[in-house]
């Protein structure tokens, strides 16, 4: 049975950024779907079970890898999404990498070095909680951070950000040509909903640890971040590395939309995987039947 979310996904998929405008995407949208908590949880549980089966097949085939990149402003739910959507997947087949402010070793290398080291192996799903995009988001909003990267002065010209975005696009094109399926998710939260969630961190004792005064400082740069995200998506959206601008005001819709996106990517490979397993079985049987007598079982 197909999820009711499936039909709504294509409006959030950006594979060509030439006409992209972030203001055209409503953070509170649900694709015209209205589900109560019980129905949404049941759908997510079903999708998570299907995802676990497909992840096993990806792992067994050992030919492709899947890289899921999560970007968002504070309180949009990156951690919660990863926790809920990947809850049923075998930990052996998934690797999660969280990228915080770069350290001294990372700053001594090019900006893609640290993410290249964390790319998923064939057969695995890699999850980037923040990513190389921080270099054209946070660093663009706070260009003083570039001083720590010790770049030659002549490289920091008027074309700097365009060149950096072009480098990211080329990097992702390379990954696609090497068998890594790249999916990028921007969890699109509204300014009003972010405020509500930040305040909840103060009101609820079990969420106090999540609150940081820095969240408020970054919130004051909201328009700058929206501009940086729009520029990044415009420059790097491509058929081989699409962006999904996922409405994030409603957590149930956010989780279902991302789970369904992963299923849409992995399920078409099911038939190919089954055919590949059958072919390998036939090859193994042939090898056994034609083996010299002393090697036969």
Protein backbone atom coordinates (compact mmCIF):
# COMPACT_ATOMS: atom_id res chain seq x y z
CA UNK A 1 0.00 0.00 0.00
CA UNK A 2 1.46 3.33 -1.11
CA UNK A 3 1.90 6.06 1.46
CA UNK A 4 -0.34 9.14 1.07
CA UNK A 5 2.85 11.17 1.38
CA UNK A 6 4.28 9.77 -1.86
CA UNK A 7 2.27 12.00 -4.17
CA UNK A 8 3.36 15.16 -2.37
CA UNK A 9 7.09 14.59 -2.56
CA UNK A 10 7.87 15.83 -6.04
CA UNK A 11 6.95 19.40 -5.12
CA UNK A 12 9.73 19.40 -2.51
CA UNK A 13 12.40 17.88 -4.77
CA UNK A 14 14.74 20.44 -6.33
CA UNK A 15 16.90 18.95 -9.10
CA UNK A 16 17.39 22.24 -10.97
CA UNK A 17 18.00 25.36 -8.94
CA UNK A 18 17.69 27.88 -11.77
CA UNK A 19 14.20 29.02 -10.73
CA UNK A 20 14.38 28.14 -7.04
CA UNK A 21 13.03 30.61 -4.51
CA UNK A 22 12.90 29.64 -0.86
CA UNK A 23 9.92 31.94 -0.25
CA UNK A 24 7.84 29.69 -2.51
CA UNK A 25 8.13 26.83 0.00
CA UNK A 26 5.78 26.87 3.00
CA UNK A 27 7.41 25.42 6.14
CA UNK A 28 3.97 24.50 7.51
CA UNK A 29 2.79 22.61 4.41
CA UNK A 30 1.60 19.01 4.67
CA UNK A 31 0.87 18.35 1.02
CA UNK A 32 -2.84 18.60 1.65
CA UNK A 33 -2.64 15.61 4.03
CA UNK A 34 -4.07 15.63 7.53
CA UNK A 35 -3.17 12.75 9.85
CA UNK A 36 -3.60 12.36 13.57
CA UNK A 37 -0.68 11.22 15.72
CA UNK A 38 -1.77 7.58 15.78
CA UNK A 39 -2.12 7.31 12.00
CA UNK A 40 1.17 9.13 11.38
CA UNK A 41 3.03 6.89 13.82
CA UNK A 42 1.57 3.76 12.21
CA UNK A 43 2.63 4.92 8.76
CA UNK A 44 6.13 5.76 9.95
CA UNK A 45 6.49 2.36 11.65
CA UNK A 46 5.55 0.65 8.39
CA UNK A 47 7.98 2.78 6.39
CA UNK A 48 10.79 2.19 8.88
CA UNK A 49 10.28 -1.59 8.58
CA UNK A 50 10.41 -1.38 4.79
CA UNK A 51 13.49 0.80 4.97
CA UNK A 52 15.24 -1.76 7.19
CA UNK A 53 14.61 -4.48 4.60
CA UNK A 54 15.90 -2.32 1.76
CA UNK A 55 18.95 -1.31 3.76
CA UNK A 56 19.75 -4.99 4.23
CA UNK A 57 19.54 -5.52 0.47
CA UNK A 58 21.78 -2.52 -0.17
CA UNK A 59 24.29 -3.96 2.28
CA UNK A 60 24.15 -7.43 0.73
CA UNK A 61 24.58 -6.16 -2.81
CA UNK A 62 27.63 -4.11 -1.78
CA UNK A 63 27.74 -2.03 -4.96
CA UNK A 64 26.15 1.29 -4.09
CA UNK A 65 26.19 3.63 -1.12
CA UNK A 66 23.65 6.22 -0.03
CA UNK A 67 24.64 9.58 1.44
CA UNK A 68 21.93 11.58 3.22
CA UNK A 69 22.86 15.16 4.07
CA UNK A 70 20.77 17.01 6.66
CA UNK A 71 20.95 20.79 6.91
CA UNK A 72 18.72 23.06 8.95
CA UNK A 73 18.58 25.97 11.32
CA UNK A 74 18.45 25.33 15.07
CA UNK A 75 15.38 23.46 16.35
CA UNK A 76 14.28 22.24 12.90
CA UNK A 77 14.77 18.65 14.03
CA UNK A 78 17.83 17.10 12.42
CA UNK A 79 18.55 14.86 15.42
CA UNK A 80 14.89 13.90 15.83
CA UNK A 81 14.51 13.06 12.16
CA UNK A 82 17.57 10.82 12.13
CA UNK A 83 16.43 9.12 15.33
CA UNK A 84 12.90 8.37 14.14
CA UNK A 85 13.46 7.57 10.47
CA UNK A 86 16.53 5.39 10.97
CA UNK A 87 15.30 3.71 14.15
CA UNK A 88 14.80 0.29 12.55
CA UNK A 89 17.92 0.14 10.42
CA UNK A 90 20.75 -2.20 11.37
CA UNK A 91 23.50 -0.04 12.92
CA UNK A 92 26.11 -2.10 11.04
CA UNK A 93 24.81 -0.69 7.77
CA UNK A 94 24.58 2.96 8.80
CA UNK A 95 27.19 5.49 9.82
CA UNK A 96 26.23 8.89 11.24
CA UNK A 97 28.71 11.78 11.15
CA UNK A 98 28.02 15.04 12.96
CA UNK A 99 30.10 18.00 11.83
CA UNK A 100 30.69 20.77 14.32
CA UNK A 101 33.13 23.68 14.11
CA UNK A 102 36.35 22.40 12.49
CA UNK A 103 39.36 21.74 14.71
CA UNK A 104 43.03 22.54 14.07
CA UNK A 105 43.72 19.41 12.02
CA UNK A 106 40.66 20.00 9.85
CA UNK A 107 41.53 23.66 9.33
CA UNK A 108 44.96 22.61 8.10
CA UNK A 109 43.31 20.92 5.08
CA UNK A 110 40.90 21.92 2.33
CA UNK A 111 37.29 22.34 3.42
CA UNK A 112 36.12 19.06 1.85
CA UNK A 113 38.81 16.95 3.54
CA UNK A 114 36.91 16.16 6.70
CA UNK A 115 33.71 15.11 4.95
CA UNK A 116 35.55 12.98 2.38
CA UNK A 117 36.97 10.94 5.28
CA UNK A 118 33.45 10.12 6.49
CA UNK A 119 31.88 9.02 3.22
CA UNK A 120 29.91 5.74 3.46
CA UNK A 121 31.43 2.51 2.20
CA UNK A 122 29.68 0.56 -0.56
CA UNK A 123 26.59 -1.11 0.77
CA UNK A 124 26.13 1.40 3.58
CA UNK A 125 24.01 4.44 4.31
CA UNK A 126 25.92 7.51 5.44
CA UNK A 127 24.20 10.31 7.31
CA UNK A 128 25.75 13.74 7.61
CA UNK A 129 24.27 15.79 10.46
CA UNK A 130 25.42 19.11 9.02
CA UNK A 131 28.07 18.81 6.33
CA UNK A 132 30.36 20.60 3.89
CA UNK A 133 27.48 23.02 3.32
CA UNK A 134 28.34 24.72 6.60
CA UNK A 135 31.20 26.28 4.63
CA UNK A 136 28.74 28.20 2.44
CA UNK A 137 26.14 28.79 5.15
CA UNK A 138 27.60 29.59 8.58
CA UNK A 139 30.90 30.77 7.11
CA UNK A 140 29.10 32.92 4.56
CA UNK A 141 26.99 34.55 7.28
CA UNK A 142 30.13 34.91 9.44
CA UNK A 143 32.96 35.53 6.92
CA UNK A 144 35.36 36.29 9.76
CA UNK A 145 35.57 32.51 10.23
CA UNK A 146 37.57 32.34 7.00
CA UNK A 147 40.53 33.84 8.82
CA UNK A 148 41.02 30.53 10.63
CA UNK A 149 41.39 28.70 7.31
CA UNK A 150 44.60 30.54 6.36
CA UNK A 151 43.67 30.73 2.69
CA UNK A 152 45.91 32.69 0.32
CA UNK A 153 44.60 36.24 0.18
CA UNK A 154 44.35 36.28 -3.61
CA UNK A 155 41.81 33.43 -3.51
CA UNK A 156 39.38 35.45 -1.40
CA UNK A 157 38.14 37.60 -4.24
CA UNK A 158 34.62 38.53 -5.40
CA UNK A 159 34.21 35.07 -6.95
CA UNK A 160 35.05 33.18 -3.76
CA UNK A 161 31.58 31.93 -2.84
CA UNK A 162 30.70 31.06 -6.42
CA UNK A 163 33.90 29.01 -6.68
CA UNK A 164 33.26 27.26 -3.37
CA UNK A 165 29.73 26.29 -4.45
CA UNK A 166 31.12 25.07 -7.79
CA UNK A 167 33.61 22.90 -5.89
CA UNK A 168 30.78 21.35 -3.87
CA UNK A 169 28.77 20.67 -7.02
CA UNK A 170 31.79 19.02 -8.67
CA UNK A 171 32.47 16.94 -5.54
CA UNK A 172 28.91 15.62 -5.52
CA UNK A 173 29.02 14.88 -9.24
CA UNK A 174 32.16 12.84 -8.63
CA UNK A 175 30.47 10.90 -5.83
CA UNK A 176 27.51 10.09 -8.07
CA UNK A 177 29.86 8.76 -10.75
CA UNK A 178 31.49 6.51 -8.17
CA UNK A 179 28.22 4.87 -7.08
CA UNK A 180 27.20 7.11 -4.17
CA UNK A 181 23.58 8.26 -4.30
CA UNK A 182 23.50 11.77 -2.82
CA UNK A 183 20.32 13.12 -1.19
CA UNK A 184 20.27 16.52 0.50
CA UNK A 185 17.55 17.56 2.93
CA UNK A 186 16.91 21.10 4.06
CA UNK A 187 14.49 20.96 7.00
CA UNK A 188 12.53 24.12 6.33
CA UNK A 189 11.24 25.54 9.61
CA UNK A 190 9.42 28.86 9.99
CA UNK A 191 10.75 31.61 12.22
CA UNK A 192 7.61 31.40 14.38
CA UNK A 193 7.89 27.64 14.91
CA UNK A 194 11.58 27.92 15.68
CA UNK A 195 10.77 30.47 18.39
CA UNK A 196 8.18 28.13 19.90
CA UNK A 197 10.63 25.22 20.01
CA UNK A 198 13.46 27.31 21.44
CA UNK A 199 11.18 28.53 24.22
CA UNK A 200 10.12 24.94 24.88
CA UNK A 201 13.75 24.13 25.58
CA UNK A 202 13.59 26.57 28.47
CA UNK A 203 10.20 25.46 29.75
CA UNK A 204 10.82 21.71 29.66
CA UNK A 205 13.53 20.46 32.08
CA UNK A 206 14.51 17.50 29.88
CA UNK A 207 15.24 19.91 27.02
CA UNK A 208 17.19 22.58 28.94
CA UNK A 209 20.50 21.12 27.82
CA UNK A 210 19.60 21.87 24.20
CA UNK A 211 19.28 25.59 24.78
CA UNK A 212 22.21 27.86 24.02
CA UNK A 213 22.47 31.63 24.07
CA UNK A 214 24.18 31.26 20.71
CA UNK A 215 20.88 30.05 19.26
CA UNK A 216 19.40 33.48 19.85
CA UNK A 217 22.36 35.24 18.27
CA UNK A 218 22.06 33.11 15.16
CA UNK A 219 18.30 33.65 15.07
CA UNK A 220 18.98 37.38 14.72
CA UNK A 221 20.68 36.58 11.41
CA UNK A 222 17.62 34.74 10.05
CA UNK A 223 17.41 36.67 6.77
CA UNK A 224 21.13 36.19 6.13
CA UNK A 225 20.77 32.44 6.61
CA UNK A 226 17.73 32.27 4.33
CA UNK A 227 19.72 34.06 1.64
CA UNK A 228 22.69 31.70 2.11
CA UNK A 229 20.47 28.61 1.90
CA UNK A 230 18.75 29.88 -1.23
CA UNK A 231 22.08 30.55 -2.91
CA UNK A 232 23.45 27.13 -1.92
CA UNK A 233 20.41 25.21 -3.16
CA UNK A 234 20.28 27.24 -6.37
CA UNK A 235 23.92 26.49 -7.17
CA UNK A 236 24.10 22.81 -6.21
CA UNK A 237 20.71 21.22 -6.96
CA UNK A 238 21.13 18.60 -9.69
CA UNK A 239 19.41 15.39 -10.85
CA UNK A 240 22.28 13.30 -9.43
CA UNK A 241 22.31 15.25 -6.13
CA UNK A 242 18.86 16.76 -5.55
CA UNK A 243 17.78 18.89 -2.65
CA UNK A 244 14.56 18.18 -0.77
CA UNK A 245 13.15 21.30 0.87
CA UNK A 246 11.09 19.49 3.49
CA UNK A 247 8.43 21.41 5.45
CA UNK A 248 9.51 21.00 9.08
CA UNK A 249 6.90 22.84 11.14
CA UNK A 250 4.97 19.57 11.57
CA UNK A 251 7.29 16.85 12.84
CA UNK A 252 5.05 13.97 11.71
CA UNK A 253 5.04 15.22 8.12
CA UNK A 254 8.77 15.92 8.15
CA UNK A 255 9.56 12.37 9.27
CA UNK A 256 7.14 10.70 6.85
CA UNK A 257 8.37 12.78 3.91
CA UNK A 258 12.00 11.86 4.52
CA UNK A 259 11.22 8.17 5.10
CA UNK A 260 9.22 8.03 1.87
CA UNK A 261 12.01 9.78 -0.04
CA UNK A 262 14.49 7.11 1.06
CA UNK A 263 12.05 4.37 0.08
CA UNK A 264 11.51 5.94 -3.33
CA UNK A 265 15.26 5.88 -3.92
CA UNK A 266 15.92 2.36 -2.62
CA UNK A 267 12.83 0.43 -3.74
CA UNK A 268 13.47 0.61 -7.51
CA UNK A 269 16.69 -1.31 -6.82
CA UNK A 270 14.79 -4.24 -5.27
CA UNK A 271 14.19 -6.00 -8.62
CA UNK A 272 17.78 -5.43 -9.73
CA UNK A 273 19.03 -6.82 -6.42
CA UNK A 274 16.86 -9.94 -6.72
CA UNK A 275 18.05 -10.51 -10.29
CA UNK A 276 21.66 -10.05 -9.18
CA UNK A 277 21.24 -12.56 -6.35
CA UNK A 278 19.69 -15.07 -8.77
CA UNK A 279 22.53 -14.58 -11.25
CA UNK A 280 25.16 -15.04 -8.54
CA UNK A 281 23.41 -18.21 -7.37
CA UNK A 282 23.41 -19.63 -10.88
CA UNK A 283 27.10 -18.77 -11.29
CA UNK A 284 27.95 -20.46 -7.99
CA UNK A 285 25.95 -23.57 -8.92
CA UNK A 286 27.69 -23.73 -12.28
CA UNK A 287 31.08 -23.39 -10.59
CA UNK A 288 30.24 -26.27 -8.23
CA UNK A 289 29.03 -28.51 -11.06
CA UNK A 290 32.09 -27.88 -13.17
CA UNK A 291 34.64 -28.10 -10.36
CA UNK A 292 37.25 -30.91 -10.45
CA UNK A 293 36.14 -34.00 -8.50
CA UNK A 294 38.50 -33.37 -5.57
CA UNK A 295 36.96 -29.89 -5.09
CA UNK A 296 33.32 -30.92 -5.43
CA UNK A 297 31.26 -31.13 -2.23
